[in-house]
Amino acid sequence: MSALDEIKIAAQNAALELCDSAGMKAGQTVIIGCSSSEIAGHQVGTGSSAEIGAVVFDALYQVFSEKGIFLAAQCCEHLNRAIIVERATPAVQGQEIVNVVPIPAAGGAFASAAYVAFEDPVALEEIRADAGLDIGGTLIGMHLKKVAVPLRLKTTHIGKAPIIAARTRPKLIGGARAAYDDRIM
């Protein structure tokens, strides 16, 4: 099995685990930050690979699309971690679209692959996603809803890059006498 095949399988497994662990439902949005450099064993931002970015994007997009979950691709710091999404993504509603096209050297290989693959891509400065995968320490937290809950996945790496996963939950308000709905936790 080639290294790219192993990367693809790990990405698919991570996506499936995230969907299951986070209890994701159709219509929700998942934010993905992905360093192709880290996957290849280099320091983030030092060895971007369009081939790795495309393999990981295709693997994740397939899993999430089949479940009706919208994928949001986080760009790298050179584009202030802007987000690339399909225009039809519910998170786009009420957001101001910005004009930028990610490329591997400014935006990252993963976001570039998303921009090319999406039917009608748009860029946003921010979203509030329901869950996320951080592949290689890309700092997705700024694009998650306010209460993020870390998840431990069995798939801990894609290539050489560590994975951090999270889901979100509604804020718990009230006090000692408040009651909560466990179905939305």
C-alpha atoms as a PDB file:
ATOM      1  CA  MET A   1       0.000   0.000   0.000  1.00  0.00           C
ATOM      2  CA  SER A   2       1.362   3.417  -0.945  1.00  0.00           C
ATOM      3  CA  ALA A   3       1.819   6.293   1.499  1.00  0.00           C
ATOM      4  CA  LEU A   4      -1.017   8.192  -0.239  1.00  0.00           C
ATOM      5  CA  ASP A   5      -3.338   5.196   0.177  1.00  0.00           C
ATOM      6  CA  GLU A   6      -2.500   5.089   3.896  1.00  0.00           C
ATOM      7  CA  ILE A   7      -3.195   8.826   4.181  1.00  0.00           C
ATOM      8  CA  LYS A   8      -6.538   8.413   2.407  1.00  0.00           C
ATOM      9  CA  ILE A   9      -7.624   5.552   4.676  1.00  0.00           C
ATOM     10  CA  ALA A  10      -6.572   7.413   7.828  1.00  0.00           C
ATOM     11  CA  ALA A  11      -8.494  10.519   6.694  1.00  0.00           C
ATOM     12  CA  GLN A  12     -11.632   8.476   5.964  1.00  0.00           C
ATOM     13  CA  ASN A  13     -11.382   6.729   9.326  1.00  0.00           C
ATOM     14  CA  ALA A  14     -10.946  10.025  11.177  1.00  0.00           C
ATOM     15  CA  ALA A  15     -13.988  11.507   9.405  1.00  0.00           C
ATOM     16  CA  LEU A  16     -16.157   8.485  10.207  1.00  0.00           C
ATOM     17  CA  GLU A  17     -15.031   8.494  13.843  1.00  0.00           C
ATOM     18  CA  LEU A  18     -15.729  12.225  14.146  1.00  0.00           C
ATOM     19  CA  CYS A  19     -19.241  11.803  12.728  1.00  0.00           C
ATOM     20  CA  ASP A  20     -19.946   8.999  15.183  1.00  0.00           C
ATOM     21  CA  SER A  21     -18.285  10.520  18.270  1.00  0.00           C
ATOM     22  CA  ALA A  22     -19.786  13.966  17.698  1.00  0.00           C
ATOM     23  CA  GLY A  23     -23.230  12.647  16.785  1.00  0.00           C
ATOM     24  CA  MET A  24     -23.168  14.738  13.615  1.00  0.00           C
ATOM     25  CA  LYS A  25     -26.349  15.107  11.612  1.00  0.00           C
ATOM     26  CA  ALA A  26     -27.157  16.085   8.038  1.00  0.00           C
ATOM     27  CA  GLY A  27     -27.115  19.859   7.583  1.00  0.00           C
ATOM     28  CA  GLN A  28     -24.336  20.493  10.115  1.00  0.00           C
ATOM     29  CA  THR A  29     -20.939  21.967   9.259  1.00  0.00           C
ATOM     30  CA  VAL A  30     -17.510  20.524  10.028  1.00  0.00           C
ATOM     31  CA  ILE A  31     -14.386  22.690   9.945  1.00  0.00           C
ATOM     32  CA  ILE A  32     -11.189  21.062   8.712  1.00  0.00           C
ATOM     33  CA  GLY A  33      -7.751  22.537   9.209  1.00  0.00           C
ATOM     34  CA  CYS A  34      -5.096  20.511   7.413  1.00  0.00           C
ATOM     35  CA  SER A  35      -1.346  20.896   7.089  1.00  0.00           C
ATOM     36  CA  SER A  36      -0.089  18.818   4.167  1.00  0.00           C
ATOM     37  CA  SER A  37       3.413  19.736   5.362  1.00  0.00           C
ATOM     38  CA  GLU A  38       2.819  18.076   8.739  1.00  0.00           C
ATOM     39  CA  ILE A  39       1.262  15.020   7.074  1.00  0.00           C
ATOM     40  CA  ALA A  40       4.482  14.623   5.077  1.00  0.00           C
ATOM     41  CA  GLY A  41       6.597  14.986   8.232  1.00  0.00           C
ATOM     42  CA  HIS A  42       7.668  18.614   7.799  1.00  0.00           C
ATOM     43  CA  GLN A  43       6.998  21.638   9.979  1.00  0.00           C
ATOM     44  CA  VAL A  44       3.701  23.360   9.201  1.00  0.00           C
ATOM     45  CA  GLY A  45       4.051  25.748   6.254  1.00  0.00           C
ATOM     46  CA  THR A  46       7.385  24.400   5.033  1.00  0.00           C
ATOM     47  CA  GLY A  47       6.500  21.657   2.559  1.00  0.00           C
ATOM     48  CA  SER A  48       3.016  22.108   1.153  1.00  0.00           C
ATOM     49  CA  SER A  49       1.922  19.233  -1.095  1.00  0.00           C
ATOM     50  CA  ALA A  50      -0.929  19.711  -3.548  1.00  0.00           C
ATOM     51  CA  GLU A  51      -1.098  15.930  -3.986  1.00  0.00           C
ATOM     52  CA  ILE A  52      -1.530  15.278  -0.249  1.00  0.00           C
ATOM     53  CA  GLY A  53      -3.996  18.153   0.089  1.00  0.00           C
ATOM     54  CA  ALA A  54      -6.139  16.716  -2.709  1.00  0.00           C
ATOM     55  CA  VAL A  55      -6.045  13.157  -1.339  1.00  0.00           C
ATOM     56  CA  VAL A  56      -7.095  14.266   2.143  1.00  0.00           C
ATOM     57  CA  PHE A  57      -9.784  16.613   0.800  1.00  0.00           C
ATOM     58  CA  ASP A  58     -11.258  13.928  -1.470  1.00  0.00           C
ATOM     59  CA  ALA A  59     -11.324  11.361   1.353  1.00  0.00           C
ATOM     60  CA  LEU A  60     -12.980  13.704   3.859  1.00  0.00           C
ATOM     61  CA  TYR A  61     -15.374  15.241   1.349  1.00  0.00           C
ATOM     62  CA  GLN A  62     -16.634  11.818   0.307  1.00  0.00           C
ATOM     63  CA  VAL A  63     -17.425  10.789   3.896  1.00  0.00           C
ATOM     64  CA  PHE A  64     -19.067  14.057   4.898  1.00  0.00           C
ATOM     65  CA  SER A  65     -21.021  14.486   1.642  1.00  0.00           C
ATOM     66  CA  GLU A  66     -22.527  11.015   1.943  1.00  0.00           C
ATOM     67  CA  LYS A  67     -23.841  12.022   5.373  1.00  0.00           C
ATOM     68  CA  GLY A  68     -25.168  15.416   4.238  1.00  0.00           C
ATOM     69  CA  ILE A  69     -22.571  17.269   6.333  1.00  0.00           C
ATOM     70  CA  PHE A  70     -21.047  20.465   4.912  1.00  0.00           C
ATOM     71  CA  LEU A  71     -17.246  20.644   4.836  1.00  0.00           C
ATOM     72  CA  ALA A  72     -15.541  23.971   5.545  1.00  0.00           C
ATOM     73  CA  ALA A  73     -11.835  24.151   4.647  1.00  0.00           C
ATOM     74  CA  GLN A  74      -9.705  26.463   6.759  1.00  0.00           C
ATOM     75  CA  CYS A  75      -6.969  28.329   4.910  1.00  0.00           C
ATOM     76  CA  CYS A  76      -3.560  28.829   6.470  1.00  0.00           C
ATOM     77  CA  GLU A  77      -2.396  31.897   8.374  1.00  0.00           C
ATOM     78  CA  HIS A  78      -1.349  33.718   5.176  1.00  0.00           C
ATOM     79  CA  LEU A  79      -5.066  34.170   4.440  1.00  0.00           C
ATOM     80  CA  ASN A  80      -5.904  34.834   8.110  1.00  0.00           C
ATOM     81  CA  ARG A  81      -7.420  31.347   8.339  1.00  0.00           C
ATOM     82  CA  ALA A  82     -10.277  32.275   5.989  1.00  0.00           C
ATOM     83  CA  ILE A  83     -12.786  29.532   5.209  1.00  0.00           C
ATOM     84  CA  ILE A  84     -13.618  27.965   1.847  1.00  0.00           C
ATOM     85  CA  VAL A  85     -17.140  26.518   1.619  1.00  0.00           C
ATOM     86  CA  GLU A  86     -19.822  25.707  -0.916  1.00  0.00           C
ATOM     87  CA  ARG A  87     -22.132  28.700  -1.349  1.00  0.00           C
ATOM     88  CA  ALA A  88     -25.050  26.393  -0.370  1.00  0.00           C
ATOM     89  CA  THR A  89     -23.568  25.761   3.100  1.00  0.00           C
ATOM     90  CA  PRO A  90     -26.022  27.019   5.759  1.00  0.00           C
ATOM     91  CA  ALA A  91     -23.130  28.767   7.556  1.00  0.00           C
ATOM     92  CA  VAL A  92     -22.855  31.174   4.588  1.00  0.00           C
ATOM     93  CA  GLN A  93     -26.257  32.733   5.369  1.00  0.00           C
ATOM     94  CA  GLY A  94     -25.783  36.189   6.862  1.00  0.00           C
ATOM     95  CA  GLN A  95     -22.021  36.123   6.296  1.00  0.00           C
ATOM     96  CA  GLU A  96     -20.099  38.525   4.114  1.00  0.00           C
ATOM     97  CA  ILE A  97     -18.319  36.699   1.304  1.00  0.00           C
ATOM     98  CA  VAL A  98     -14.716  37.809   0.767  1.00  0.00           C
ATOM     99  CA  ASN A  99     -12.681  37.613  -2.432  1.00  0.00           C
ATOM    100  CA  VAL A 100      -9.674  35.307  -2.274  1.00  0.00           C
ATOM    101  CA  VAL A 101      -8.592  32.165  -4.086  1.00  0.00           C
ATOM    102  CA  PRO A 102      -6.338  29.929  -1.990  1.00  0.00           C
ATOM    103  CA  ILE A 103      -3.181  28.540  -3.548  1.00  0.00           C
ATOM    104  CA  PRO A 104      -0.740  26.146  -1.875  1.00  0.00           C
ATOM    105  CA  ALA A 105       1.689  28.954  -0.947  1.00  0.00           C
ATOM    106  CA  ALA A 106      -1.059  31.234   0.421  1.00  0.00           C
ATOM    107  CA  GLY A 107      -4.057  29.362   1.729  1.00  0.00           C
ATOM    108  CA  GLY A 108      -2.635  25.857   1.822  1.00  0.00           C
ATOM    109  CA  ALA A 109      -2.896  22.722  -0.282  1.00  0.00           C
ATOM    110  CA  PHE A 110      -6.059  21.462   1.451  1.00  0.00           C
ATOM    111  CA  ALA A 111      -8.033  24.700   1.029  1.00  0.00           C
ATOM    112  CA  SER A 112      -6.764  24.949  -2.566  1.00  0.00           C
ATOM    113  CA  ALA A 113      -8.074  21.440  -3.254  1.00  0.00           C
ATOM    114  CA  ALA A 114     -11.436  22.409  -1.736  1.00  0.00           C
ATOM    115  CA  TYR A 115     -11.678  25.535  -3.887  1.00  0.00           C
ATOM    116  CA  VAL A 116     -11.036  23.510  -7.053  1.00  0.00           C
ATOM    117  CA  ALA A 117     -13.374  20.634  -6.097  1.00  0.00           C
ATOM    118  CA  PHE A 118     -16.371  22.601  -4.822  1.00  0.00           C
ATOM    119  CA  GLU A 119     -19.098  23.299  -7.362  1.00  0.00           C
ATOM    120  CA  ASP A 120     -19.624  26.907  -6.224  1.00  0.00           C
ATOM    121  CA  PRO A 121     -16.855  27.853  -3.759  1.00  0.00           C
ATOM    122  CA  VAL A 122     -16.883  31.027  -1.697  1.00  0.00           C
ATOM    123  CA  ALA A 123     -14.561  32.381   0.975  1.00  0.00           C
ATOM    124  CA  LEU A 124     -15.655  33.624   4.385  1.00  0.00           C
ATOM    125  CA  GLU A 125     -13.638  35.237   7.151  1.00  0.00           C
ATOM    126  CA  GLU A 126     -15.258  33.122   9.839  1.00  0.00           C
ATOM    127  CA  ILE A 127     -17.914  30.556  10.650  1.00  0.00           C
ATOM    128  CA  ARG A 128     -19.176  28.730  13.726  1.00  0.00           C
ATOM    129  CA  ALA A 129     -18.899  25.014  12.917  1.00  0.00           C
ATOM    130  CA  ASP A 130     -20.558  22.162  14.802  1.00  0.00           C
ATOM    131  CA  ALA A 131     -17.420  19.980  14.894  1.00  0.00           C
ATOM    132  CA  GLY A 132     -13.924  19.917  13.536  1.00  0.00           C
ATOM    133  CA  LEU A 133     -10.722  18.097  12.703  1.00  0.00           C
ATOM    134  CA  ASP A 134      -7.379  19.798  13.199  1.00  0.00           C
ATOM    135  CA  ILE A 135      -4.786  17.890  11.187  1.00  0.00           C
ATOM    136  CA  GLY A 136      -1.286  19.018  12.069  1.00  0.00           C
ATOM    137  CA  GLY A 137      -1.871  21.842  14.552  1.00  0.00           C
ATOM    138  CA  THR A 138      -3.704  24.356  12.361  1.00  0.00           C
ATOM    139  CA  LEU A 139      -5.725  25.972  15.185  1.00  0.00           C
ATOM    140  CA  ILE A 140      -9.360  25.484  14.133  1.00  0.00           C
ATOM    141  CA  GLY A 141     -10.790  26.617  17.471  1.00  0.00           C
ATOM    142  CA  MET A 142     -11.583  30.106  16.224  1.00  0.00           C
ATOM    143  CA  HIS A 143     -14.109  28.556  13.808  1.00  0.00           C
ATOM    144  CA  LEU A 144     -16.002  26.335  16.272  1.00  0.00           C
ATOM    145  CA  LYS A 145     -19.139  27.311  18.158  1.00  0.00           C
ATOM    146  CA  LYS A 146     -18.463  28.757  21.618  1.00  0.00           C
ATOM    147  CA  VAL A 147     -18.503  25.552  23.688  1.00  0.00           C
ATOM    148  CA  ALA A 148     -16.056  23.079  22.137  1.00  0.00           C
ATOM    149  CA  VAL A 149     -15.635  19.600  23.592  1.00  0.00           C
ATOM    150  CA  PRO A 150     -12.423  17.711  22.730  1.00  0.00           C
ATOM    151  CA  LEU A 151     -12.827  14.203  21.331  1.00  0.00           C
ATOM    152  CA  ARG A 152     -10.363  11.335  21.432  1.00  0.00           C
ATOM    153  CA  LEU A 153     -10.366   9.386  18.183  1.00  0.00           C
ATOM    154  CA  LYS A 154      -8.790   5.973  17.608  1.00  0.00           C
ATOM    155  CA  THR A 155      -7.173   7.464  14.507  1.00  0.00           C
ATOM    156  CA  THR A 156      -4.533   9.705  16.062  1.00  0.00           C
ATOM    157  CA  HIS A 157      -2.523  10.667  12.970  1.00  0.00           C
ATOM    158  CA  ILE A 158      -2.902  11.216   9.262  1.00  0.00           C
ATOM    159  CA  GLY A 159       0.531  10.528   7.876  1.00  0.00           C
ATOM    160  CA  LYS A 160       2.879  12.104  10.411  1.00  0.00           C
ATOM    161  CA  ALA A 161       0.400  14.820  11.453  1.00  0.00           C
ATOM    162  CA  PRO A 162      -1.383  14.497  14.815  1.00  0.00           C
ATOM    163  CA  ILE A 163      -5.162  14.917  14.810  1.00  0.00           C
ATOM    164  CA  ILE A 164      -7.206  16.870  17.322  1.00  0.00           C
ATOM    165  CA  ALA A 165     -10.985  16.506  17.045  1.00  0.00           C
ATOM    166  CA  ALA A 166     -13.785  18.464  18.662  1.00  0.00           C
ATOM    167  CA  ARG A 167     -17.544  18.710  18.759  1.00  0.00           C
ATOM    168  CA  THR A 168     -19.593  21.549  20.127  1.00  0.00           C
ATOM    169  CA  ARG A 169     -22.587  21.739  22.417  1.00  0.00           C
ATOM    170  CA  PRO A 170     -25.021  24.460  23.422  1.00  0.00           C
ATOM    171  CA  LYS A 171     -24.047  26.621  26.393  1.00  0.00           C
ATOM    172  CA  LEU A 172     -25.448  25.448  29.728  1.00  0.00           C
ATOM    173  CA  ILE A 173     -27.119  28.412  31.387  1.00  0.00           C
ATOM    174  CA  GLY A 174     -28.824  28.663  34.733  1.00  0.00           C
ATOM    175  CA  GLY A 175     -27.652  27.287  38.008  1.00  0.00           C
ATOM    176  CA  ALA A 176     -28.104  24.462  40.458  1.00  0.00           C
ATOM    177  CA  ARG A 177     -31.874  24.265  39.849  1.00  0.00           C
ATOM    178  CA  ALA A 178     -31.696  24.328  36.032  1.00  0.00           C
ATOM    179  CA  ALA A 179     -32.615  21.274  33.961  1.00  0.00           C
ATOM    180  CA  TYR A 180     -30.958  20.388  30.650  1.00  0.00           C
ATOM    181  CA  ASP A 181     -31.959  18.414  27.555  1.00  0.00           C
ATOM    182  CA  ASP A 182     -29.481  15.554  27.183  1.00  0.00           C
ATOM    183  CA  ARG A 183     -30.584  14.964  23.588  1.00  0.00           C
ATOM    184  CA  ILE A 184     -28.678  18.066  22.415  1.00  0.00           C
ATOM    185  CA  MET A 185     -25.559  17.616  24.507  1.00  0.00           C
END
